[in-house]
């Protein structure tokens, strides 16, 4: 069984500004196993990037500890930690070639010219940049620049690779293909990695496990399958509710069937129809709320039109019932 390789223990980060204080990270504890890719997922301001920066050494924890391979690194400067980071904006040197950008860390470390050449050529081939070593960043596509940034981090042979929303500057199509490349590369090398994103699909596609954060705290940790099937908290399955008590009912867009209006059902009016090839997305107004419903294989299903009244039929084995107060806490 793989051992815990990166351990965050009760991490707290408070930013002080005059008399006011912001608790950006609030008692975060995570264990990452060797070779695992764990994603910190959450909205802007949830503390995910601050947590990543503490792992890298760019921020010092107000309290708590960070361990890598059993050694505490909480107070060690960034350049002395066994970590490297792939930044959101790539942070490439515009006056250097691809080869020079990737080999920069080795040259600063004063490795021999032969070592620099061999290691750089190897990593260039590994990330698929063959034939581009003499180009400058200005003559690369966004995806190629992202690969240079990734190669520059990997060439230093870190124990932990950190990725701060590295795909956010790419267009949607390129983002999908590049995240698959990152995942394949990470699995091939077997490097322990922590990835930060606000994109749920990205987190589900890339990760061995996902850490959901909100307001500086961890809301849930689990595999993508666990997070998707059992959102928010496993303990909620043991909660009982009183008759007349308000609840929050969660249902996935694909777990709703649409039918022509029938009695004793949830009735809504279709506001928008979005055709996406393999599936159809309906936006349906129910009272003051908008429901999003995804229909797969739309050509084989009954079609509806904007303004039409329909019944929303929820698949009971796909429903999740939560206390109503929980949604208030997260607003």
Protein backbone atom coordinates (compact mmCIF):
# COMPACT_ATOMS: atom_id res chain seq x y z
CA UNK A 1 0.00 0.00 0.00
CA UNK A 2 1.32 3.44 -0.94
CA UNK A 3 2.39 5.70 1.91
CA UNK A 4 1.26 9.26 2.62
CA UNK A 5 3.76 11.35 0.65
CA UNK A 6 2.48 14.90 1.13
CA UNK A 7 0.71 15.74 4.38
CA UNK A 8 -1.05 19.00 5.24
CA UNK A 9 -1.77 19.11 8.95
CA UNK A 10 -4.28 21.65 10.33
CA UNK A 11 -3.14 24.41 7.96
CA UNK A 12 -4.34 27.92 8.75
CA UNK A 13 -3.54 31.11 6.84
CA UNK A 14 -4.71 34.49 8.10
CA UNK A 15 -4.06 37.67 6.10
CA UNK A 16 -3.92 40.74 8.32
CA UNK A 17 -4.80 44.19 7.00
CA UNK A 18 -4.82 46.84 9.69
CA UNK A 19 -7.38 45.82 12.28
CA UNK A 20 -9.19 43.39 9.97
CA UNK A 21 -8.17 39.79 9.36
CA UNK A 22 -9.13 37.33 6.62
CA UNK A 23 -8.94 33.63 7.44
CA UNK A 24 -8.19 32.41 3.90
CA UNK A 25 -7.41 28.82 4.89
CA UNK A 26 -9.14 27.38 7.94
CA UNK A 27 -7.76 24.19 9.51
CA UNK A 28 -7.12 22.26 6.29
CA UNK A 29 -5.77 18.70 6.60
CA UNK A 30 -5.07 16.53 3.55
CA UNK A 31 -2.96 13.42 2.93
CA UNK A 32 -1.69 12.72 -0.60
CA UNK A 33 -0.21 9.33 -1.42
CA UNK A 34 2.87 8.80 -3.56
CA UNK A 35 2.03 9.05 -7.27
CA UNK A 36 -1.46 10.38 -6.61
CA UNK A 37 -2.99 13.41 -8.33
CA UNK A 38 -5.23 15.33 -5.94
CA UNK A 39 -7.24 18.34 -7.09
CA UNK A 40 -8.29 21.26 -4.88
CA UNK A 41 -11.65 22.32 -6.33
CA UNK A 42 -13.71 25.35 -5.41
CA UNK A 43 -14.84 28.87 -6.35
CA UNK A 44 -12.65 31.96 -6.32
CA UNK A 45 -11.66 32.93 -2.80
CA UNK A 46 -12.19 29.46 -1.33
CA UNK A 47 -8.54 29.10 -0.25
CA UNK A 48 -7.37 26.55 -2.82
CA UNK A 49 -4.61 28.68 -4.38
CA UNK A 50 -3.45 29.92 -0.97
CA UNK A 51 -3.15 26.29 0.13
CA UNK A 52 -1.11 25.49 -3.00
CA UNK A 53 1.14 28.49 -2.38
CA UNK A 54 1.79 27.31 1.17
CA UNK A 55 2.86 23.90 -0.17
CA UNK A 56 5.22 25.69 -2.58
CA UNK A 57 6.59 27.97 0.14
CA UNK A 58 5.32 31.22 -1.38
CA UNK A 59 3.12 31.71 1.69
CA UNK A 60 4.04 30.77 5.26
CA UNK A 61 1.25 29.11 7.29
CA UNK A 62 -0.12 31.08 10.22
CA UNK A 63 -0.30 27.71 11.94
CA UNK A 64 -0.18 24.05 10.97
CA UNK A 65 2.46 21.91 9.30
CA UNK A 66 3.43 20.60 5.87
CA UNK A 67 5.33 17.33 5.42
CA UNK A 68 6.87 15.90 2.25
CA UNK A 69 8.14 12.33 2.47
CA UNK A 70 7.98 12.54 6.25
CA UNK A 71 10.09 15.72 6.51
CA UNK A 72 8.52 18.98 7.69
CA UNK A 73 8.98 21.74 5.12
CA UNK A 74 6.62 24.39 6.55
CA UNK A 75 9.34 27.03 7.03
CA UNK A 76 11.75 26.02 4.25
CA UNK A 77 12.17 28.64 1.44
CA UNK A 78 10.60 27.81 -1.95
CA UNK A 79 13.94 27.29 -3.72
CA UNK A 80 14.92 24.66 -1.15
CA UNK A 81 11.68 22.66 -1.29
CA UNK A 82 11.34 19.51 -3.44
CA UNK A 83 8.43 21.11 -5.32
CA UNK A 84 7.93 22.94 -8.60
CA UNK A 85 4.89 24.86 -9.82
CA UNK A 86 3.20 25.25 -13.20
CA UNK A 87 1.69 28.74 -13.14
CA UNK A 88 -1.59 29.96 -14.60
CA UNK A 89 0.17 32.42 -16.94
CA UNK A 90 3.04 29.98 -17.76
CA UNK A 91 5.67 32.58 -16.62
CA UNK A 92 7.96 31.90 -19.61
CA UNK A 93 10.95 34.12 -20.40
CA UNK A 94 10.04 35.86 -23.70
CA UNK A 95 13.69 36.43 -24.72
CA UNK A 96 14.62 32.74 -24.34
CA UNK A 97 14.02 29.82 -26.68
CA UNK A 98 12.03 26.72 -25.72
CA UNK A 99 15.30 24.91 -24.93
CA UNK A 100 16.58 27.80 -22.80
CA UNK A 101 13.29 28.16 -20.91
CA UNK A 102 13.11 24.46 -20.08
CA UNK A 103 16.78 24.16 -19.11
CA UNK A 104 16.85 27.37 -17.04
CA UNK A 105 16.63 25.65 -13.65
CA UNK A 106 19.40 23.20 -14.51
CA UNK A 107 21.67 26.01 -15.65
CA UNK A 108 20.99 28.00 -12.46
CA UNK A 109 21.87 24.83 -10.55
CA UNK A 110 25.13 24.82 -12.55
CA UNK A 111 24.78 21.33 -13.97
CA UNK A 112 27.25 20.33 -16.68
CA UNK A 113 26.50 21.33 -20.27
CA UNK A 114 26.21 17.66 -21.24
CA UNK A 115 23.67 16.96 -18.47
CA UNK A 116 21.66 20.04 -19.42
CA UNK A 117 21.57 18.99 -23.08
CA UNK A 118 20.62 15.36 -22.38
CA UNK A 119 17.94 16.12 -19.77
CA UNK A 120 16.39 18.94 -21.79
CA UNK A 121 16.20 16.92 -25.00
CA UNK A 122 14.64 14.02 -23.09
CA UNK A 123 11.93 16.18 -21.49
CA UNK A 124 11.24 17.98 -24.80
CA UNK A 125 10.46 14.60 -26.37
CA UNK A 126 8.44 13.52 -23.33
CA UNK A 127 6.03 16.49 -23.57
CA UNK A 128 5.80 16.40 -27.38
CA UNK A 129 7.77 19.54 -28.30
CA UNK A 130 10.16 17.90 -30.77
CA UNK A 131 11.40 20.32 -33.42
CA UNK A 132 10.43 23.42 -31.42
CA UNK A 133 13.49 23.82 -29.18
CA UNK A 134 14.76 26.94 -30.99
CA UNK A 135 11.45 28.79 -31.06
CA UNK A 136 10.62 31.69 -28.76
CA UNK A 137 7.39 31.68 -26.68
CA UNK A 138 5.88 34.31 -29.01
CA UNK A 139 5.92 31.76 -31.84
CA UNK A 140 4.16 29.01 -29.86
CA UNK A 141 0.47 28.25 -29.46
CA UNK A 142 -1.14 28.43 -26.03
CA UNK A 143 -1.01 24.65 -25.70
CA UNK A 144 2.68 24.57 -26.64
CA UNK A 145 3.50 27.31 -24.12
CA UNK A 146 1.70 25.29 -21.46
CA UNK A 147 3.86 22.25 -22.33
CA UNK A 148 7.04 24.33 -22.02
CA UNK A 149 5.93 25.46 -18.56
CA UNK A 150 5.16 21.86 -17.58
CA UNK A 151 8.50 20.61 -18.97
CA UNK A 152 10.39 23.32 -17.07
CA UNK A 153 8.83 22.07 -13.84
CA UNK A 154 9.33 18.36 -14.55
CA UNK A 155 12.98 18.69 -15.56
CA UNK A 156 13.86 19.65 -11.97
CA UNK A 157 12.64 16.20 -10.86
CA UNK A 158 10.46 17.48 -7.99
CA UNK A 159 8.97 15.17 -5.41
CA UNK A 160 5.67 17.07 -5.68
CA UNK A 161 4.37 18.84 -8.80
CA UNK A 162 2.02 21.77 -8.19
CA UNK A 163 -0.32 23.07 -10.91
CA UNK A 164 -2.19 26.36 -10.44
CA UNK A 165 -5.09 26.43 -12.95
CA UNK A 166 -2.66 25.74 -15.83
CA UNK A 167 -5.40 25.39 -18.47
CA UNK A 168 -7.41 28.53 -17.75
CA UNK A 169 -5.85 30.52 -20.62
CA UNK A 170 -6.64 27.89 -23.26
CA UNK A 171 -9.77 27.72 -25.41
CA UNK A 172 -12.36 25.07 -24.55
CA UNK A 173 -11.36 22.47 -27.16
CA UNK A 174 -7.64 22.73 -26.41
CA UNK A 175 -8.34 22.62 -22.68
CA UNK A 176 -9.98 19.20 -23.02
CA UNK A 177 -7.14 17.64 -25.04
CA UNK A 178 -4.40 19.21 -22.90
CA UNK A 179 -5.83 18.02 -19.60
CA UNK A 180 -5.86 14.46 -20.95
CA UNK A 181 -2.21 14.86 -21.96
CA UNK A 182 -1.33 16.12 -18.47
CA UNK A 183 -3.08 13.15 -16.86
CA UNK A 184 -1.35 10.59 -19.12
CA UNK A 185 2.03 12.22 -18.49
CA UNK A 186 1.49 12.34 -14.73
CA UNK A 187 0.53 8.66 -14.67
CA UNK A 188 3.47 7.68 -16.89
CA UNK A 189 5.99 9.47 -14.66
CA UNK A 190 4.16 8.59 -11.44
CA UNK A 191 4.78 11.99 -9.89
CA UNK A 192 2.81 13.09 -6.82
CA UNK A 193 0.75 16.11 -7.90
CA UNK A 194 -1.59 18.75 -6.48
CA UNK A 195 -3.81 20.51 -9.02
CA UNK A 196 -5.94 23.62 -8.45
CA UNK A 197 -9.03 24.45 -10.50
CA UNK A 198 -12.54 25.91 -10.26
CA UNK A 199 -13.68 23.71 -13.18
CA UNK A 200 -15.66 20.68 -11.98
CA UNK A 201 -15.29 18.74 -15.23
CA UNK A 202 -11.54 19.30 -15.18
CA UNK A 203 -11.30 18.03 -11.61
CA UNK A 204 -13.38 14.94 -12.34
CA UNK A 205 -11.36 14.08 -15.46
CA UNK A 206 -7.88 14.51 -14.01
CA UNK A 207 -7.98 13.41 -10.42
CA UNK A 208 -7.44 10.33 -8.32
CA UNK A 209 -9.16 12.27 -5.54
CA UNK A 210 -10.88 15.65 -5.29
CA UNK A 211 -10.80 18.01 -2.29
CA UNK A 212 -13.79 20.36 -2.39
CA UNK A 213 -13.13 23.67 -0.64
CA UNK A 214 -15.37 26.58 0.29
CA UNK A 215 -14.73 29.62 2.52
CA UNK A 216 -11.29 28.30 3.47
CA UNK A 217 -12.55 24.93 4.67
CA UNK A 218 -12.70 21.44 3.23
CA UNK A 219 -16.27 20.40 2.43
CA UNK A 220 -15.59 16.89 1.14
CA UNK A 221 -12.75 14.60 0.02
CA UNK A 222 -13.26 11.62 -2.27
CA UNK A 223 -12.72 10.03 -5.64
CA UNK A 224 -14.49 11.69 -8.59
CA UNK A 225 -17.05 8.87 -8.53
CA UNK A 226 -17.71 9.32 -4.79
CA UNK A 227 -18.00 13.10 -5.10
CA UNK A 228 -20.43 12.80 -8.00
CA UNK A 229 -22.61 10.04 -6.55
CA UNK A 230 -22.65 11.22 -2.92
CA UNK A 231 -22.24 15.02 -2.87
CA UNK A 232 -21.51 17.07 0.23
CA UNK A 233 -21.26 14.58 3.10
CA UNK A 234 -21.53 10.82 3.61
CA UNK A 235 -22.88 11.36 7.14
CA UNK A 236 -26.01 12.96 5.70
CA UNK A 237 -27.39 9.51 4.92
CA UNK A 238 -28.04 9.09 8.65
CA UNK A 239 -30.00 12.33 9.03
CA UNK A 240 -33.76 12.10 9.61
CA UNK A 241 -36.21 14.92 8.89
CA UNK A 242 -39.45 15.99 10.52
CA UNK A 243 -42.72 16.36 8.64
CA UNK A 244 -43.04 19.90 7.30
CA UNK A 245 -39.31 20.61 7.64
CA UNK A 246 -37.61 22.46 4.77
CA UNK A 247 -35.04 20.40 2.87
CA UNK A 248 -32.63 20.87 0.00
CA UNK A 249 -33.12 18.33 -2.81
CA UNK A 250 -30.16 17.78 -5.14
CA UNK A 251 -30.55 16.11 -8.53
CA UNK A 252 -28.17 15.91 -11.49
CA UNK A 253 -29.31 17.39 -14.85
CA UNK A 254 -29.19 13.95 -16.48
CA UNK A 255 -31.34 12.39 -13.71
CA UNK A 256 -34.50 14.21 -14.85
CA UNK A 257 -36.90 12.90 -17.50
CA UNK A 258 -39.16 15.28 -19.42
CA UNK A 259 -42.70 14.30 -20.30
CA UNK A 260 -45.74 16.06 -21.67
CA UNK A 261 -47.66 17.78 -18.86
CA UNK A 262 -49.20 15.22 -16.49
CA UNK A 263 -51.12 15.72 -13.19
CA UNK A 264 -49.40 15.61 -9.77
CA UNK A 265 -45.92 16.37 -11.10
CA UNK A 266 -43.46 19.27 -11.13
CA UNK A 267 -44.64 21.51 -13.97
CA UNK A 268 -42.31 23.94 -15.71
CA UNK A 269 -42.09 26.06 -18.85
CA UNK A 270 -39.21 25.59 -21.30
CA UNK A 271 -37.18 28.81 -21.53
CA UNK A 272 -34.18 27.73 -23.60
CA UNK A 273 -33.09 24.76 -25.72
CA UNK A 274 -29.40 24.11 -26.42
CA UNK A 275 -28.43 21.41 -28.93
CA UNK A 276 -24.99 19.88 -28.23
CA UNK A 277 -24.95 17.00 -30.69
CA UNK A 278 -24.89 13.95 -28.45
CA UNK A 279 -27.27 15.53 -25.98
CA UNK A 280 -29.83 18.30 -25.58
CA UNK A 281 -29.99 20.81 -22.73
CA UNK A 282 -33.32 22.32 -21.66
CA UNK A 283 -33.58 25.28 -19.30
CA UNK A 284 -36.97 25.07 -17.58
CA UNK A 285 -38.60 27.65 -15.32
CA UNK A 286 -40.39 26.25 -12.28
CA UNK A 287 -41.88 29.05 -10.17
CA UNK A 288 -38.89 31.40 -9.67
CA UNK A 289 -36.23 28.74 -10.28
CA UNK A 290 -34.47 27.52 -13.41
CA UNK A 291 -33.89 23.76 -13.81
CA UNK A 292 -31.25 22.51 -16.25
CA UNK A 293 -32.14 19.14 -17.79
CA UNK A 294 -29.81 17.10 -20.02
CA UNK A 295 -31.32 14.61 -22.47
CA UNK A 296 -28.97 12.08 -24.09
CA UNK A 297 -29.59 10.70 -27.59
CA UNK A 298 -32.11 13.49 -28.36
CA UNK A 299 -33.11 12.10 -31.77
CA UNK A 300 -34.63 9.08 -30.04
CA UNK A 301 -36.57 11.20 -27.52
CA UNK A 302 -39.74 13.27 -27.76
CA UNK A 303 -38.83 16.87 -28.54
CA UNK A 304 -40.32 19.98 -26.94
CA UNK A 305 -40.43 23.65 -27.90
CA UNK A 306 -39.72 26.92 -26.10
CA UNK A 307 -42.77 28.05 -24.10
CA UNK A 308 -44.19 24.53 -23.81
CA UNK A 309 -45.33 23.23 -20.41
CA UNK A 310 -43.65 19.98 -19.40
CA UNK A 311 -43.49 17.65 -16.40
CA UNK A 312 -40.16 17.05 -14.67
CA UNK A 313 -39.89 13.43 -13.51
CA UNK A 314 -37.04 12.86 -11.05
CA UNK A 315 -35.30 9.49 -10.86
CA UNK A 316 -35.68 8.62 -7.17
CA UNK A 317 -32.44 6.64 -6.88
CA UNK A 318 -30.52 9.75 -8.01
CA UNK A 319 -31.92 12.17 -5.41
CA UNK A 320 -29.87 13.59 -2.54
CA UNK A 321 -31.64 15.17 0.44
CA UNK A 322 -29.73 17.70 2.57
CA UNK A 323 -30.67 20.00 5.46
CA UNK A 324 -31.92 23.33 4.13
CA UNK A 325 -29.53 25.28 6.40
CA UNK A 326 -26.52 23.86 4.56
CA UNK A 327 -27.19 25.95 1.47
CA UNK A 328 -27.37 29.10 3.61
CA UNK A 329 -23.96 28.38 5.12
CA UNK A 330 -22.39 28.21 1.66
CA UNK A 331 -23.88 31.42 0.27
